[in-house]
C-alpha atoms as a PDB file:
ATOM      1  CA  MET A   1    -108.863 185.168-176.171  1.00  0.00           C
ATOM      2  CA  ASP A   2    -110.193 181.673-175.508  1.00  0.00           C
ATOM      3  CA  ILE A   3    -113.843 181.288-176.524  1.00  0.00           C
ATOM      4  CA  ASP A   4    -116.193 179.554-174.082  1.00  0.00           C
ATOM      5  CA  TRP A   5    -118.672 178.181-176.613  1.00  0.00           C
ATOM      6  CA  ASP A   6    -120.830 176.727-173.850  1.00  0.00           C
ATOM      7  CA  GLY A   7    -121.660 180.264-172.755  1.00  0.00           C
ATOM      8  CA  ILE A   8    -122.670 181.566-176.182  1.00  0.00           C
ATOM      9  CA  THR A   9    -126.342 181.544-177.195  1.00  0.00           C
ATOM     10  CA  HIS A  10    -126.685 184.911-178.950  1.00  0.00           C
ATOM     11  CA  VAL A  11    -124.414 186.258-181.699  1.00  0.00           C
ATOM     12  CA  THR A  12    -124.663 189.686-183.324  1.00  0.00           C
ATOM     13  CA  LYS A  13    -123.732 190.030-187.003  1.00  0.00           C
ATOM     14  CA  VAL A  14    -122.455 193.537-187.715  1.00  0.00           C
ATOM     15  CA  ASP A  15    -122.315 194.770-191.312  1.00  0.00           C
ATOM     16  CA  PRO A  16    -119.460 197.293-191.552  1.00  0.00           C
ATOM     17  CA  ALA A  17    -121.184 199.090-194.443  1.00  0.00           C
ATOM     18  CA  LYS A  18    -124.264 199.910-192.355  1.00  0.00           C
ATOM     19  CA  PRO A  19    -124.531 202.603-189.664  1.00  0.00           C
ATOM     20  CA  LEU A  20    -124.238 201.380-186.094  1.00  0.00           C
ATOM     21  CA  PRO A  21    -127.017 202.135-183.598  1.00  0.00           C
ATOM     22  CA  SER A  22    -126.424 205.396-181.757  1.00  0.00           C
ATOM     23  CA  ASP A  23    -126.603 203.558-178.445  1.00  0.00           C
ATOM     24  CA  LEU A  24    -124.357 200.499-178.442  1.00  0.00           C
ATOM     25  CA  THR A  25    -125.595 199.399-175.033  1.00  0.00           C
ATOM     26  CA  VAL A  26    -128.122 197.468-177.122  1.00  0.00           C
ATOM     27  CA  LEU A  27    -125.341 194.868-177.341  1.00  0.00           C
ATOM     28  CA  SER A  28    -125.542 194.181-173.619  1.00  0.00           C
ATOM     29  CA  GLY A  29    -126.563 190.548-173.374  1.00  0.00           C
ATOM     30  CA  THR A  30    -125.151 189.357-176.683  1.00  0.00           C
ATOM     31  CA  ASP A  31    -122.318 186.847-176.318  1.00  0.00           C
ATOM     32  CA  LEU A  32    -120.239 187.319-179.468  1.00  0.00           C
ATOM     33  CA  VAL A  33    -119.992 189.721-182.424  1.00  0.00           C
ATOM     34  CA  ILE A  34    -119.181 188.744-186.003  1.00  0.00           C
ATOM     35  CA  VAL A  35    -118.144 191.641-188.253  1.00  0.00           C
ATOM     36  CA  GLY A  36    -118.515 191.011-191.960  1.00  0.00           C
ATOM     37  CA  GLY A  37    -120.463 191.519-195.144  1.00  0.00           C
ATOM     38  CA  SER A  38    -120.049 191.836-198.895  1.00  0.00           C
ATOM     39  CA  ASP A  39    -121.706 194.926-200.409  1.00  0.00           C
ATOM     40  CA  ASP A  40    -119.679 198.127-199.900  1.00  0.00           C
ATOM     41  CA  VAL A  41    -117.465 196.506-197.270  1.00  0.00           C
ATOM     42  CA  THR A  42    -113.859 197.660-197.109  1.00  0.00           C
ATOM     43  CA  GLU A  43    -110.866 197.066-194.883  1.00  0.00           C
ATOM     44  CA  ALA A  44    -111.346 200.563-193.479  1.00  0.00           C
ATOM     45  CA  ASN A  45    -114.999 200.277-192.452  1.00  0.00           C
ATOM     46  CA  THR A  46    -114.393 196.740-191.181  1.00  0.00           C
ATOM     47  CA  LEU A  47    -111.627 197.997-188.914  1.00  0.00           C
ATOM     48  CA  GLU A  48    -113.816 200.881-187.748  1.00  0.00           C
ATOM     49  CA  ALA A  49    -116.634 198.494-186.818  1.00  0.00           C
ATOM     50  CA  ILE A  50    -114.331 196.071-184.980  1.00  0.00           C
ATOM     51  CA  ARG A  51    -112.728 198.877-183.004  1.00  0.00           C
ATOM     52  CA  ALA A  52    -116.128 200.345-182.105  1.00  0.00           C
ATOM     53  CA  MET A  53    -117.188 196.978-180.677  1.00  0.00           C
ATOM     54  CA  LYS A  54    -113.985 196.435-178.714  1.00  0.00           C
ATOM     55  CA  GLU A  55    -113.871 200.000-177.402  1.00  0.00           C
ATOM     56  CA  ARG A  56    -117.392 199.775-175.976  1.00  0.00           C
ATOM     57  CA  PHE A  57    -117.227 196.116-174.865  1.00  0.00           C
ATOM     58  CA  PRO A  58    -113.556 195.108-174.500  1.00  0.00           C
ATOM     59  CA  GLU A  59    -114.380 191.678-173.055  1.00  0.00           C
ATOM     60  CA  LEU A  60    -116.856 190.766-175.810  1.00  0.00           C
ATOM     61  CA  PRO A  61    -115.379 188.300-178.345  1.00  0.00           C
ATOM     62  CA  VAL A  62    -115.268 189.823-181.836  1.00  0.00           C
ATOM     63  CA  PHE A  63    -114.713 187.798-185.007  1.00  0.00           C
ATOM     64  CA  GLN A  64    -113.937 189.193-188.425  1.00  0.00           C
ATOM     65  CA  GLU A  65    -115.688 187.191-191.142  1.00  0.00           C
ATOM     66  CA  PRO A  66    -114.270 188.564-194.410  1.00  0.00           C
ATOM     67  CA  TYR A  67    -115.929 188.028-197.760  1.00  0.00           C
ATOM     68  CA  SER A  68    -112.733 189.089-199.520  1.00  0.00           C
ATOM     69  CA  SER A  69    -109.089 188.942-198.548  1.00  0.00           C
ATOM     70  CA  ALA A  70    -108.982 192.680-199.358  1.00  0.00           C
ATOM     71  CA  HIS A  71    -110.971 193.249-196.157  1.00  0.00           C
ATOM     72  CA  VAL A  72    -108.118 191.902-194.001  1.00  0.00           C
ATOM     73  CA  SER A  73    -105.008 193.718-192.802  1.00  0.00           C
ATOM     74  CA  ARG A  74    -102.569 193.716-189.921  1.00  0.00           C
ATOM     75  CA  GLU A  75    -104.901 196.130-188.131  1.00  0.00           C
ATOM     76  CA  THR A  76    -108.042 194.013-188.514  1.00  0.00           C
ATOM     77  CA  ILE A  77    -106.225 190.878-187.365  1.00  0.00           C
ATOM     78  CA  GLU A  78    -104.844 192.671-184.321  1.00  0.00           C
ATOM     79  CA  ALA A  79    -108.180 194.336-183.506  1.00  0.00           C
ATOM     80  CA  ALA A  80    -110.364 191.214-183.786  1.00  0.00           C
ATOM     81  CA  ASP A  81    -110.044 188.151-181.603  1.00  0.00           C
ATOM     82  CA  TYR A  82    -110.380 185.675-184.482  1.00  0.00           C
ATOM     83  CA  LEU A  83    -110.601 185.578-188.256  1.00  0.00           C
ATOM     84  CA  SER A  84    -113.486 183.261-189.196  1.00  0.00           C
ATOM     85  CA  ILE A  85    -113.380 181.877-192.727  1.00  0.00           C
ATOM     86  CA  PRO A  86    -116.588 180.443-194.239  1.00  0.00           C
ATOM     87  CA  ALA A  87    -116.557 177.341-196.424  1.00  0.00           C
ATOM     88  CA  VAL A  88    -119.910 177.344-198.245  1.00  0.00           C
ATOM     89  CA  TYR A  89    -120.845 173.729-198.944  1.00  0.00           C
ATOM     90  CA  ASN A  90    -123.582 174.499-201.461  1.00  0.00           C
ATOM     91  CA  GLY A  91    -121.701 177.373-203.113  1.00  0.00           C
ATOM     92  CA  ASP A  92    -119.257 177.318-206.003  1.00  0.00           C
ATOM     93  CA  ARG A  93    -115.688 176.066-205.821  1.00  0.00           C
ATOM     94  CA  GLU A  94    -114.310 179.557-205.288  1.00  0.00           C
ATOM     95  CA  HIS A  95    -116.220 179.930-202.029  1.00  0.00           C
ATOM     96  CA  PHE A  96    -115.340 176.524-200.648  1.00  0.00           C
ATOM     97  CA  VAL A  97    -111.769 175.965-201.783  1.00  0.00           C
ATOM     98  CA  GLY A  98    -110.553 178.806-203.960  1.00  0.00           C
ATOM     99  CA  LYS A  99    -110.572 181.601-201.418  1.00  0.00           C
ATOM    100  CA  HIS A 100    -108.827 179.425-198.835  1.00  0.00           C
ATOM    101  CA  VAL A 101    -106.017 178.508-201.205  1.00  0.00           C
ATOM    102  CA  ASP A 102    -105.663 182.180-202.144  1.00  0.00           C
ATOM    103  CA  LEU A 103    -105.472 183.203-198.496  1.00  0.00           C
ATOM    104  CA  PHE A 104    -102.758 180.747-197.593  1.00  0.00           C
ATOM    105  CA  THR A 105    -100.887 181.503-200.811  1.00  0.00           C
ATOM    106  CA  GLN A 106    -100.676 185.077-199.574  1.00  0.00           C
ATOM    107  CA  VAL A 107     -99.673 183.956-196.080  1.00  0.00           C
ATOM    108  CA  GLY A 108     -96.847 181.842-197.464  1.00  0.00           C
ATOM    109  CA  ARG A 109     -95.471 184.407-199.894  1.00  0.00           C
ATOM    110  CA  LYS A 110     -91.938 185.721-199.118  1.00  0.00           C
ATOM    111  CA  PRO A 111     -92.024 188.663-199.132  1.00  0.00           C
ATOM    112  CA  GLY A 112     -95.736 189.174-199.570  1.00  0.00           C
ATOM    113  CA  GLU A 113     -98.638 191.354-198.794  1.00  0.00           C
ATOM    114  CA  LEU A 114    -101.163 190.340-196.202  1.00  0.00           C
ATOM    115  CA  ILE A 115    -104.223 189.023-198.018  1.00  0.00           C
ATOM    116  CA  GLY A 116    -105.023 191.979-200.176  1.00  0.00           C
ATOM    117  CA  SER A 117    -103.663 194.663-197.848  1.00  0.00           C
ATOM    118  CA  SER A 118    -101.106 197.182-198.983  1.00  0.00           C
ATOM    119  CA  LEU A 119     -99.174 196.448-195.812  1.00  0.00           C
ATOM    120  CA  PRO A 120     -96.319 193.919-196.308  1.00  0.00           C
ATOM    121  CA  VAL A 121     -96.998 192.402-192.903  1.00  0.00           C
ATOM    122  CA  VAL A 122     -96.886 188.676-193.425  1.00  0.00           C
ATOM    123  CA  GLY A 123     -93.853 188.808-195.658  1.00  0.00           C
ATOM    124  CA  ASP A 124     -91.904 190.775-193.072  1.00  0.00           C
ATOM    125  CA  LEU A 125     -93.099 188.530-190.270  1.00  0.00           C
ATOM    126  CA  ILE A 126     -92.178 185.341-192.086  1.00  0.00           C
ATOM    127  CA  ALA A 127     -88.796 186.756-193.057  1.00  0.00           C
ATOM    128  CA  SER A 128     -87.980 187.326-189.389  1.00  0.00           C
ATOM    129  CA  LYS A 129     -89.728 184.372-187.766  1.00  0.00           C
ATOM    130  CA  GLY A 130     -90.018 181.774-190.502  1.00  0.00           C
ATOM    131  CA  ILE A 131     -92.665 179.051-190.274  1.00  0.00           C
ATOM    132  CA  ASP A 132     -93.520 180.092-186.698  1.00  0.00           C
ATOM    133  CA  ALA A 133     -95.164 183.197-188.119  1.00  0.00           C
ATOM    134  CA  ILE A 134     -97.531 181.093-190.200  1.00  0.00           C
ATOM    135  CA  SER A 135     -98.423 178.988-187.177  1.00  0.00           C
ATOM    136  CA  GLU A 136     -98.970 182.131-185.140  1.00  0.00           C
ATOM    137  CA  LEU A 137    -101.399 183.529-187.703  1.00  0.00           C
ATOM    138  CA  ALA A 138    -103.158 180.190-188.095  1.00  0.00           C
ATOM    139  CA  THR A 139    -104.053 180.107-184.398  1.00  0.00           C
ATOM    140  CA  ASN A 140    -106.318 183.092-185.049  1.00  0.00           C
ATOM    141  CA  LEU A 141    -108.126 181.434-187.960  1.00  0.00           C
ATOM    142  CA  ILE A 142    -111.442 179.603-187.474  1.00  0.00           C
ATOM    143  CA  GLY A 143    -113.093 177.591-190.224  1.00  0.00           C
ATOM    144  CA  GLU A 144    -116.872 177.693-190.563  1.00  0.00           C
ATOM    145  CA  GLY A 145    -118.862 175.062-192.419  1.00  0.00           C
ATOM    146  CA  TYR A 146    -121.650 177.037-194.098  1.00  0.00           C
ATOM    147  CA  VAL A 147    -124.955 176.182-195.720  1.00  0.00           C
ATOM    148  CA  VAL A 148    -126.789 179.081-197.369  1.00  0.00           C
ATOM    149  CA  GLN A 149    -130.516 178.334-197.605  1.00  0.00           C
ATOM    150  CA  HIS A 150    -132.056 181.512-199.071  1.00  0.00           C
ATOM    151  CA  LEU A 151    -131.508 181.680-202.826  1.00  0.00           C
ATOM    152  CA  GLU A 152    -132.672 185.298-203.124  1.00  0.00           C
ATOM    153  CA  SER A 153    -130.120 186.567-200.622  1.00  0.00           C
ATOM    154  CA  ALA A 154    -126.920 188.482-201.253  1.00  0.00           C
ATOM    155  CA  ALA A 155    -125.063 185.670-199.479  1.00  0.00           C
ATOM    156  CA  ALA A 156    -126.322 183.156-202.051  1.00  0.00           C
ATOM    157  CA  THR A 157    -125.459 185.411-204.983  1.00  0.00           C
ATOM    158  CA  THR A 158    -121.947 186.199-203.812  1.00  0.00           C
ATOM    159  CA  SER A 159    -121.221 182.573-202.875  1.00  0.00           C
ATOM    160  CA  GLY A 160    -122.518 181.056-206.098  1.00  0.00           C
ATOM    161  CA  VAL A 161    -125.332 179.168-204.366  1.00  0.00           C
ATOM    162  CA  ASP A 162    -127.974 178.034-206.836  1.00  0.00           C
ATOM    163  CA  THR A 163    -129.614 175.242-204.863  1.00  0.00           C
ATOM    164  CA  THR A 164    -130.630 174.772-201.248  1.00  0.00           C
ATOM    165  CA  TYR A 165    -130.066 171.643-199.197  1.00  0.00           C
ATOM    166  CA  THR A 166    -132.715 169.293-197.904  1.00  0.00           C
ATOM    167  CA  PRO A 167    -132.683 168.666-194.144  1.00  0.00           C
ATOM    168  CA  GLU A 168    -130.955 165.358-194.860  1.00  0.00           C
ATOM    169  CA  GLN A 169    -128.211 167.162-196.783  1.00  0.00           C
ATOM    170  CA  VAL A 170    -127.879 169.750-194.012  1.00  0.00           C
ATOM    171  CA  ALA A 171    -127.389 166.857-191.592  1.00  0.00           C
ATOM    172  CA  GLY A 172    -124.748 165.392-193.895  1.00  0.00           C
ATOM    173  CA  ALA A 173    -122.942 168.731-194.097  1.00  0.00           C
ATOM    174  CA  ALA A 174    -123.009 168.965-190.303  1.00  0.00           C
ATOM    175  CA  LEU A 175    -121.579 165.475-189.974  1.00  0.00           C
ATOM    176  CA  ALA A 176    -118.833 166.282-192.477  1.00  0.00           C
ATOM    177  CA  THR A 177    -118.018 169.498-190.623  1.00  0.00           C
ATOM    178  CA  GLU A 178    -117.346 167.713-187.356  1.00  0.00           C
ATOM    179  CA  THR A 179    -115.922 164.364-188.427  1.00  0.00           C
ATOM    180  CA  PHE A 180    -114.076 165.166-191.668  1.00  0.00           C
ATOM    181  CA  TYR A 181    -113.242 168.874-191.909  1.00  0.00           C
ATOM    182  CA  GLY A 182    -112.927 169.478-188.193  1.00  0.00           C
ATOM    183  CA  PHE A 183    -114.306 173.020-188.336  1.00  0.00           C
ATOM    184  CA  PRO A 184    -115.380 174.324-184.911  1.00  0.00           C
ATOM    185  CA  ILE A 185    -118.496 176.047-186.355  1.00  0.00           C
ATOM    186  CA  PHE A 186    -121.375 174.853-188.523  1.00  0.00           C
ATOM    187  CA  TYR A 187    -123.590 177.696-189.706  1.00  0.00           C
ATOM    188  CA  VAL A 188    -127.090 177.386-191.184  1.00  0.00           C
ATOM    189  CA  GLU A 189    -127.731 180.723-192.902  1.00  0.00           C
ATOM    190  CA  TYR A 190    -131.150 181.884-194.071  1.00  0.00           C
ATOM    191  CA  SER A 191    -130.027 185.483-194.658  1.00  0.00           C
ATOM    192  CA  GLY A 192    -132.923 187.689-193.635  1.00  0.00           C
ATOM    193  CA  THR A 193    -135.729 185.152-193.900  1.00  0.00           C
ATOM    194  CA  TYR A 194    -136.851 182.753-191.178  1.00  0.00           C
ATOM    195  CA  GLY A 195    -136.172 179.138-192.063  1.00  0.00           C
ATOM    196  CA  GLY A 196    -137.626 177.532-188.966  1.00  0.00           C
ATOM    197  CA  PRO A 197    -136.208 174.738-186.828  1.00  0.00           C
ATOM    198  CA  GLU A 198    -136.177 171.801-189.281  1.00  0.00           C
ATOM    199  CA  ASP A 199    -132.630 172.212-190.600  1.00  0.00           C
ATOM    200  CA  VAL A 200    -131.322 172.979-187.119  1.00  0.00           C
ATOM    201  CA  ALA A 201    -132.870 169.846-185.657  1.00  0.00           C
ATOM    202  CA  ALA A 202    -131.443 167.765-188.515  1.00  0.00           C
ATOM    203  CA  ALA A 203    -127.919 169.126-188.001  1.00  0.00           C
ATOM    204  CA  ALA A 204    -127.940 169.053-184.203  1.00  0.00           C
ATOM    205  CA  ARG A 205    -128.246 165.263-184.097  1.00  0.00           C
ATOM    206  CA  TYR A 206    -124.747 164.907-185.555  1.00  0.00           C
ATOM    207  CA  LEU A 207    -122.844 167.588-183.650  1.00  0.00           C
ATOM    208  CA  GLU A 208    -121.148 167.073-180.305  1.00  0.00           C
ATOM    209  CA  GLU A 209    -118.004 169.229-180.401  1.00  0.00           C
ATOM    210  CA  THR A 210    -118.924 171.605-183.238  1.00  0.00           C
ATOM    211  CA  THR A 211    -120.890 174.760-182.422  1.00  0.00           C
ATOM    212  CA  LEU A 212    -124.160 175.048-184.366  1.00  0.00           C
ATOM    213  CA  LEU A 213    -125.149 178.573-185.384  1.00  0.00           C
ATOM    214  CA  TYR A 214    -128.405 179.577-187.062  1.00  0.00           C
ATOM    215  CA  GLY A 215    -128.894 182.968-188.733  1.00  0.00           C
ATOM    216  CA  GLY A 216    -131.865 184.386-190.595  1.00  0.00           C
ATOM    217  CA  GLY A 217    -135.081 186.175-189.708  1.00  0.00           C
ATOM    218  CA  ILE A 218    -134.630 186.143-185.937  1.00  0.00           C
ATOM    219  CA  ASP A 219    -136.720 189.132-184.876  1.00  0.00           C
ATOM    220  CA  SER A 220    -138.421 187.939-181.691  1.00  0.00           C
ATOM    221  CA  GLN A 221    -137.822 186.050-178.483  1.00  0.00           C
ATOM    222  CA  GLN A 222    -140.202 183.365-179.733  1.00  0.00           C
ATOM    223  CA  LYS A 223    -138.148 182.633-182.853  1.00  0.00           C
ATOM    224  CA  ALA A 224    -134.870 182.702-180.967  1.00  0.00           C
ATOM    225  CA  THR A 225    -136.256 180.245-178.424  1.00  0.00           C
ATOM    226  CA  GLU A 226    -137.653 177.950-181.121  1.00  0.00           C
ATOM    227  CA  ILE A 227    -134.271 177.718-182.833  1.00  0.00           C
ATOM    228  CA  LEU A 228    -132.369 177.152-179.593  1.00  0.00           C
ATOM    229  CA  GLU A 229    -134.811 174.482-178.467  1.00  0.00           C
ATOM    230  CA  ALA A 230    -134.384 172.736-181.836  1.00  0.00           C
ATOM    231  CA  GLY A 231    -130.701 172.256-181.024  1.00  0.00           C
ATOM    232  CA  ALA A 232    -128.813 175.369-182.123  1.00  0.00           C
ATOM    233  CA  ASP A 233    -126.079 176.493-179.768  1.00  0.00           C
ATOM    234  CA  ALA A 234    -126.670 180.129-180.712  1.00  0.00           C
ATOM    235  CA  VAL A 235    -128.818 182.354-182.909  1.00  0.00           C
ATOM    236  CA  VAL A 236    -127.161 184.966-185.121  1.00  0.00           C
ATOM    237  CA  VAL A 237    -129.017 188.275-185.389  1.00  0.00           C
ATOM    238  CA  GLY A 238    -127.994 190.940-187.883  1.00  0.00           C
ATOM    239  CA  ASP A 239    -130.583 193.016-189.729  1.00  0.00           C
ATOM    240  CA  CYS A 240    -132.560 194.255-186.760  1.00  0.00           C
ATOM    241  CA  PHE A 241    -129.380 195.215-184.904  1.00  0.00           C
ATOM    242  CA  HIS A 242    -128.917 197.944-187.513  1.00  0.00           C
ATOM    243  CA  ASP A 243    -132.561 198.625-188.401  1.00  0.00           C
ATOM    244  CA  ASP A 244    -134.544 198.200-185.179  1.00  0.00           C
ATOM    245  CA  PRO A 245    -132.493 198.065-181.950  1.00  0.00           C
ATOM    246  CA  GLU A 246    -135.559 197.556-179.743  1.00  0.00           C
ATOM    247  CA  THR A 247    -136.566 194.476-181.720  1.00  0.00           C
ATOM    248  CA  PHE A 248    -132.961 193.348-181.503  1.00  0.00           C
ATOM    249  CA  ARG A 249    -133.092 193.522-177.708  1.00  0.00           C
ATOM    250  CA  ASP A 250    -136.085 191.180-177.761  1.00  0.00           C
ATOM    251  CA  THR A 251    -134.059 188.474-179.552  1.00  0.00           C
ATOM    252  CA  ILE A 252    -131.582 188.089-176.678  1.00  0.00           C
ATOM    253  CA  PRO A 253    -132.477 184.975-174.652  1.00  0.00           C
ATOM    254  CA  GLU A 254    -133.494 185.683-171.082  1.00  0.00           C
END
């Protein structure tokens, strides 16, 4: 599936470890779903969440954003449209470089197991198709430049983030994302608290091709609009999707 980033202004973050709303029509109006989380997330509940999204909305793009390679299998890769891999700029080495090296070490192993799965998928694929198999898998991978700005969040703890960035540093990270790393996504993550438009405005000045996502504390149309008007391409809404579907509906831009 080719992603039309120009048409995406609202992204839903689905935590596989949390119950889904009983009525998934609440997703009508969102433009993209990202499935991922850290606490109590498994390959099995990730796959269940992805399939639930695709079964109800088959045309809706669905990304898997794994915290651990153990969350990924042949089934999750086939069920999701893309595998989005965060690179946390203000995290520890493991969450910027280490996990990526581990992932591609698994991809290149002959024979090998697919990134933590018990299924020997990649090894079998490479044995039959050679380097083309690696290229085929790589086309489904998307890199995300990430800045985590809420130190008390689970995202900060799991990513080894112990300091936030100033708006100037956020702008620098955005510039590096587009001009040096070439990631198609730059994500400013406030993880459950509202950070306001300052970081978004700082980053937006340096992004032309890269999609700018903001997540954190979006629980109203007013906040969503403020972030979009500051220069974000899309807001990412997660907590209220699970906890308060009616509030979630209000975050979708009209």
